PDB file of N, CA and C in Angstrom:
ATOM      1  N   MET A   1      69.133 114.779  22.358  1.00  0.00           N
ATOM      2  CA  MET A   1      69.319 113.869  21.262  1.00  0.00           C
ATOM      3  C   MET A   1      68.648 114.487  20.038  1.00  0.00           C
ATOM      4  N   THR A   2      69.371 114.556  18.952  1.00  0.00           N
ATOM      5  CA  THR A   2      68.796 115.067  17.706  1.00  0.00           C
ATOM      6  C   THR A   2      68.766 113.952  16.678  1.00  0.00           C
ATOM      7  N   GLY A   3      67.829 114.003  15.770  1.00  0.00           N
ATOM      8  CA  GLY A   3      67.770 113.060  14.669  1.00  0.00           C
ATOM      9  C   GLY A   3      67.084 111.744  14.978  1.00  0.00           C
ATOM     10  N   SER A   4      66.380 111.630  16.104  1.00  0.00           N
ATOM     11  CA  SER A   4      65.777 110.350  16.455  1.00  0.00           C
ATOM     12  C   SER A   4      64.548 110.074  15.601  1.00  0.00           C
ATOM     13  N   SER A   5      64.260 108.765  15.417  1.00  0.00           N
ATOM     14  CA  SER A   5      63.140 108.333  14.597  1.00  0.00           C
ATOM     15  C   SER A   5      62.790 106.902  14.945  1.00  0.00           C
ATOM     16  N   GLU A   6      61.583 106.504  14.639  1.00  0.00           N
ATOM     17  CA  GLU A   6      61.170 105.124  14.850  1.00  0.00           C
ATOM     18  C   GLU A   6      60.925 104.411  13.526  1.00  0.00           C
ATOM     19  N   ALA A   7      61.304 105.011  12.403  1.00  0.00           N
ATOM     20  CA  ALA A   7      61.081 104.422  11.087  1.00  0.00           C
ATOM     21  C   ALA A   7      61.910 103.153  10.928  1.00  0.00           C
ATOM     22  N   ARG A   8      61.264 102.077  10.478  1.00  0.00           N
ATOM     23  CA  ARG A   8      61.963 100.804  10.273  1.00  0.00           C
ATOM     24  C   ARG A   8      62.555 100.743   8.881  1.00  0.00           C
ATOM     25  N   GLY A   9      63.710 100.058   8.782  1.00  0.00           N
ATOM     26  CA  GLY A   9      64.337  99.844   7.490  1.00  0.00           C
ATOM     27  C   GLY A   9      65.082 101.032   6.943  1.00  0.00           C
ATOM     28  N   LYS A  10      65.240 102.072   7.719  1.00  0.00           N
ATOM     29  CA  LYS A  10      65.957 103.280   7.288  1.00  0.00           C
ATOM     30  C   LYS A  10      67.162 103.513   8.189  1.00  0.00           C
ATOM     31  N   GLN A  11      68.223 104.103   7.625  1.00  0.00           N
ATOM     32  CA  GLN A  11      69.369 104.468   8.465  1.00  0.00           C
ATOM     33  C   GLN A  11      69.022 105.730   9.229  1.00  0.00           C
ATOM     34  N   LEU A  12      69.452 105.760  10.476  1.00  0.00           N
ATOM     35  CA  LEU A  12      69.196 106.894  11.356  1.00  0.00           C
ATOM     36  C   LEU A  12      70.528 107.423  11.862  1.00  0.00           C
ATOM     37  N   ASN A  13      70.739 108.719  11.772  1.00  0.00           N
ATOM     38  CA  ASN A  13      71.928 109.375  12.310  1.00  0.00           C
ATOM     39  C   ASN A  13      71.481 110.274  13.450  1.00  0.00           C
ATOM     40  N   SER A  14      71.992 110.021  14.663  1.00  0.00           N
ATOM     41  CA  SER A  14      71.618 110.799  15.841  1.00  0.00           C
ATOM     42  C   SER A  14      72.861 111.348  16.519  1.00  0.00           C
ATOM     43  N   THR A  15      72.690 112.451  17.201  1.00  0.00           N
ATOM     44  CA  THR A  15      73.770 113.044  17.989  1.00  0.00           C
ATOM     45  C   THR A  15      73.245 113.360  19.377  1.00  0.00           C
ATOM     46  N   TYR A  16      73.980 112.905  20.391  1.00  0.00           N
ATOM     47  CA  TYR A  16      73.667 113.246  21.782  1.00  0.00           C
ATOM     48  C   TYR A  16      74.538 114.430  22.165  1.00  0.00           C
ATOM     49  N   ASN A  17      73.925 115.501  22.631  1.00  0.00           N
ATOM     50  CA  ASN A  17      74.639 116.697  23.061  1.00  0.00           C
ATOM     51  C   ASN A  17      74.499 116.842  24.572  1.00  0.00           C
ATOM     52  N   GLY A  18      75.576 116.560  25.294  1.00  0.00           N
ATOM     53  CA  GLY A  18      75.563 116.660  26.742  1.00  0.00           C
ATOM     54  C   GLY A  18      76.220 117.932  27.232  1.00  0.00           C
ATOM     55  N   ASP A  19      76.276 118.091  28.556  1.00  0.00           N
ATOM     56  CA  ASP A  19      76.894 119.275  29.145  1.00  0.00           C
ATOM     57  C   ASP A  19      78.398 119.306  28.911  1.00  0.00           C
ATOM     58  N   VAL A  20      79.037 118.126  28.915  1.00  0.00           N
ATOM     59  CA  VAL A  20      80.496 118.058  28.811  1.00  0.00           C
ATOM     60  C   VAL A  20      80.955 117.712  27.398  1.00  0.00           C
ATOM     61  N   GLY A  21      80.181 116.949  26.675  1.00  0.00           N
ATOM     62  CA  GLY A  21      80.575 116.539  25.334  1.00  0.00           C
ATOM     63  C   GLY A  21      79.395 116.008  24.550  1.00  0.00           C
ATOM     64  N   SER A  22      79.678 115.534  23.347  1.00  0.00           N
ATOM     65  CA  SER A  22      78.636 114.976  22.503  1.00  0.00           C
ATOM     66  C   SER A  22      79.198 113.784  21.748  1.00  0.00           C
ATOM     67  N   PHE A  23      78.303 112.934  21.242  1.00  0.00           N
ATOM     68  CA  PHE A  23      78.744 111.811  20.412  1.00  0.00           C
ATOM     69  C   PHE A  23      77.635 111.435  19.447  1.00  0.00           C
ATOM     70  N   SER A  24      78.041 110.821  18.346  1.00  0.00           N
ATOM     71  CA  SER A  24      77.104 110.408  17.310  1.00  0.00           C
ATOM     72  C   SER A  24      76.822 108.925  17.413  1.00  0.00           C
ATOM     73  N   VAL A  25      75.614 108.553  17.068  1.00  0.00           N
ATOM     74  CA  VAL A  25      75.176 107.163  17.043  1.00  0.00           C
ATOM     75  C   VAL A  25      74.410 106.964  15.742  1.00  0.00           C
ATOM     76  N   ILE A  26      74.635 105.833  15.075  1.00  0.00           N
ATOM     77  CA  ILE A  26      73.852 105.502  13.894  1.00  0.00           C
ATOM     78  C   ILE A  26      73.105 104.200  14.126  1.00  0.00           C
ATOM     79  N   ARG A  27      71.965 104.074  13.494  1.00  0.00           N
ATOM     80  CA  ARG A  27      71.236 102.806  13.439  1.00  0.00           C
ATOM     81  C   ARG A  27      71.094 102.475  11.962  1.00  0.00           C
ATOM     82  N   ASN A  28      71.648 101.316  11.555  1.00  0.00           N
ATOM     83  CA  ASN A  28      71.581 100.973  10.148  1.00  0.00           C
ATOM     84  C   ASN A  28      70.210 100.404   9.793  1.00  0.00           C
ATOM     85  N   SER A  29      70.016 100.043   8.539  1.00  0.00           N
ATOM     86  CA  SER A  29      68.707  99.566   8.082  1.00  0.00           C
ATOM     87  C   SER A  29      68.327  98.223   8.691  1.00  0.00           C
ATOM     88  N   GLU A  30      69.304  97.509   9.303  1.00  0.00           N
ATOM     89  CA  GLU A  30      69.027  96.246   9.990  1.00  0.00           C
ATOM     90  C   GLU A  30      68.629  96.472  11.446  1.00  0.00           C
ATOM     91  N   GLY A  31      68.688  97.717  11.912  1.00  0.00           N
ATOM     92  CA  GLY A  31      68.338  98.037  13.288  1.00  0.00           C
ATOM     93  C   GLY A  31      69.508  97.939  14.250  1.00  0.00           C
ATOM     94  N   LYS A  32      70.743  97.791  13.733  1.00  0.00           N
ATOM     95  CA  LYS A  32      71.941  97.703  14.582  1.00  0.00           C
ATOM     96  C   LYS A  32      72.501  99.097  14.811  1.00  0.00           C
ATOM     97  N   TYR A  33      72.852  99.367  16.070  1.00  0.00           N
ATOM     98  CA  TYR A  33      73.404 100.663  16.451  1.00  0.00           C
ATOM     99  C   TYR A  33      74.926 100.619  16.451  1.00  0.00           C
ATOM    100  N   ALA A  34      75.556 101.759  16.151  1.00  0.00           N
ATOM    101  CA  ALA A  34      77.016 101.858  16.150  1.00  0.00           C
ATOM    102  C   ALA A  34      77.418 103.245  16.634  1.00  0.00           C
ATOM    103  N   PHE A  35      78.634 103.333  17.161  1.00  0.00           N
ATOM    104  CA  PHE A  35      79.193 104.600  17.629  1.00  0.00           C
ATOM    105  C   PHE A  35      80.674 104.590  17.303  1.00  0.00           C
ATOM    106  N   ARG A  36      81.310 105.733  17.360  1.00  0.00           N
ATOM    107  CA  ARG A  36      82.750 105.824  17.078  1.00  0.00           C
ATOM    108  C   ARG A  36      83.533 105.450  18.327  1.00  0.00           C
ATOM    109  N   ASN A  37      84.559 104.601  18.158  1.00  0.00           N
ATOM    110  CA  ASN A  37      85.394 104.194  19.288  1.00  0.00           C
ATOM    111  C   ASN A  37      86.555 105.171  19.465  1.00  0.00           C
ATOM    112  N   GLY A  38      87.499 104.846  20.322  1.00  0.00           N
ATOM    113  CA  GLY A  38      88.642 105.707  20.600  1.00  0.00           C
ATOM    114  C   GLY A  38      89.561 105.923  19.417  1.00  0.00           C
ATOM    115  N   ASP A  39      89.481 105.044  18.409  1.00  0.00           N
ATOM    116  CA  ASP A  39      90.272 105.191  17.183  1.00  0.00           C
ATOM    117  C   ASP A  39      89.481 105.888  16.080  1.00  0.00           C
ATOM    118  N   ASN A  40      88.312 106.428  16.435  1.00  0.00           N
ATOM    119  CA  ASN A  40      87.432 107.136  15.507  1.00  0.00           C
ATOM    120  C   ASN A  40      86.875 106.227  14.410  1.00  0.00           C
ATOM    121  N   GLU A  41      86.741 104.925  14.712  1.00  0.00           N
ATOM    122  CA  GLU A  41      86.153 103.972  13.785  1.00  0.00           C
ATOM    123  C   GLU A  41      84.791 103.558  14.322  1.00  0.00           C
ATOM    124  N   TRP A  42      83.855 103.239  13.420  1.00  0.00           N
ATOM    125  CA  TRP A  42      82.523 102.828  13.847  1.00  0.00           C
ATOM    126  C   TRP A  42      82.578 101.451  14.484  1.00  0.00           C
ATOM    127  N   ARG A  43      81.907 101.281  15.607  1.00  0.00           N
ATOM    128  CA  ARG A  43      81.848 100.007  16.331  1.00  0.00           C
ATOM    129  C   ARG A  43      80.383  99.708  16.649  1.00  0.00           C
ATOM    130  N   ASN A  44      79.974  98.466  16.410  1.00  0.00           N
ATOM    131  CA  ASN A  44      78.603  98.074  16.731  1.00  0.00           C
ATOM    132  C   ASN A  44      78.385  98.092  18.229  1.00  0.00           C
ATOM    133  N   ALA A  45      77.250  98.605  18.635  1.00  0.00           N
ATOM    134  CA  ALA A  45      76.875  98.610  20.045  1.00  0.00           C
ATOM    135  C   ALA A  45      76.213  97.281  20.384  1.00  0.00           C
ATOM    136  N   GLY A  46      76.391  96.827  21.620  1.00  0.00           N
ATOM    137  CA  GLY A  46      75.773  95.588  22.051  1.00  0.00           C
ATOM    138  C   GLY A  46      75.810  95.461  23.559  1.00  0.00           C
ATOM    139  N   TYR A  47      74.956  94.622  24.070  1.00  0.00           N
ATOM    140  CA  TYR A  47      74.861  94.453  25.523  1.00  0.00           C
ATOM    141  C   TYR A  47      76.060  93.729  26.100  1.00  0.00           C
ATOM    142  N   ARG A  48      76.799  92.985  25.306  1.00  0.00           N
ATOM    143  CA  ARG A  48      77.919  92.211  25.830  1.00  0.00           C
ATOM    144  C   ARG A  48      79.242  92.971  25.762  1.00  0.00           C
ATOM    145  N   TYR A  49      79.261  94.170  25.188  1.00  0.00           N
ATOM    146  CA  TYR A  49      80.485  94.962  25.110  1.00  0.00           C
ATOM    147  C   TYR A  49      80.655  95.759  26.392  1.00  0.00           C
ATOM    148  N   ARG A  50      81.877  95.819  26.896  1.00  0.00           N
ATOM    149  CA  ARG A  50      82.145  96.627  28.102  1.00  0.00           C
ATOM    150  C   ARG A  50      83.208  97.678  27.852  1.00  0.00           C
ATOM    151  N   THR A  51      83.606  97.865  26.609  1.00  0.00           N
ATOM    152  CA  THR A  51      84.645  98.814  26.289  1.00  0.00           C
ATOM    153  C   THR A  51      84.433  99.378  24.891  1.00  0.00           C
ATOM    154  N   CYS A  52      85.062 100.484  24.596  1.00  0.00           N
ATOM    155  CA  CYS A  52      84.996 101.091  23.275  1.00  0.00           C
ATOM    156  C   CYS A  52      86.213 100.726  22.430  1.00  0.00           C
ATOM    157  N   ARG A  53      87.098  99.884  22.932  1.00  0.00           N
ATOM    158  CA  ARG A  53      88.324  99.527  22.213  1.00  0.00           C
ATOM    159  C   ARG A  53      88.134  98.379  21.278  1.00  0.00           C
TER     160      ARG A  53
END
């Protein structure tokens, strides 16, 4: 994981680099995380989501 931080109130851009692929995750200034879905659009992450669609 690159770009990680614990600073509050700031946007954070992180990238996970795995053996097979990588993906980007952002945390906005409100502390909400988002990732790109299958349509390449940003989607908020949450515990109640079970799909990227």
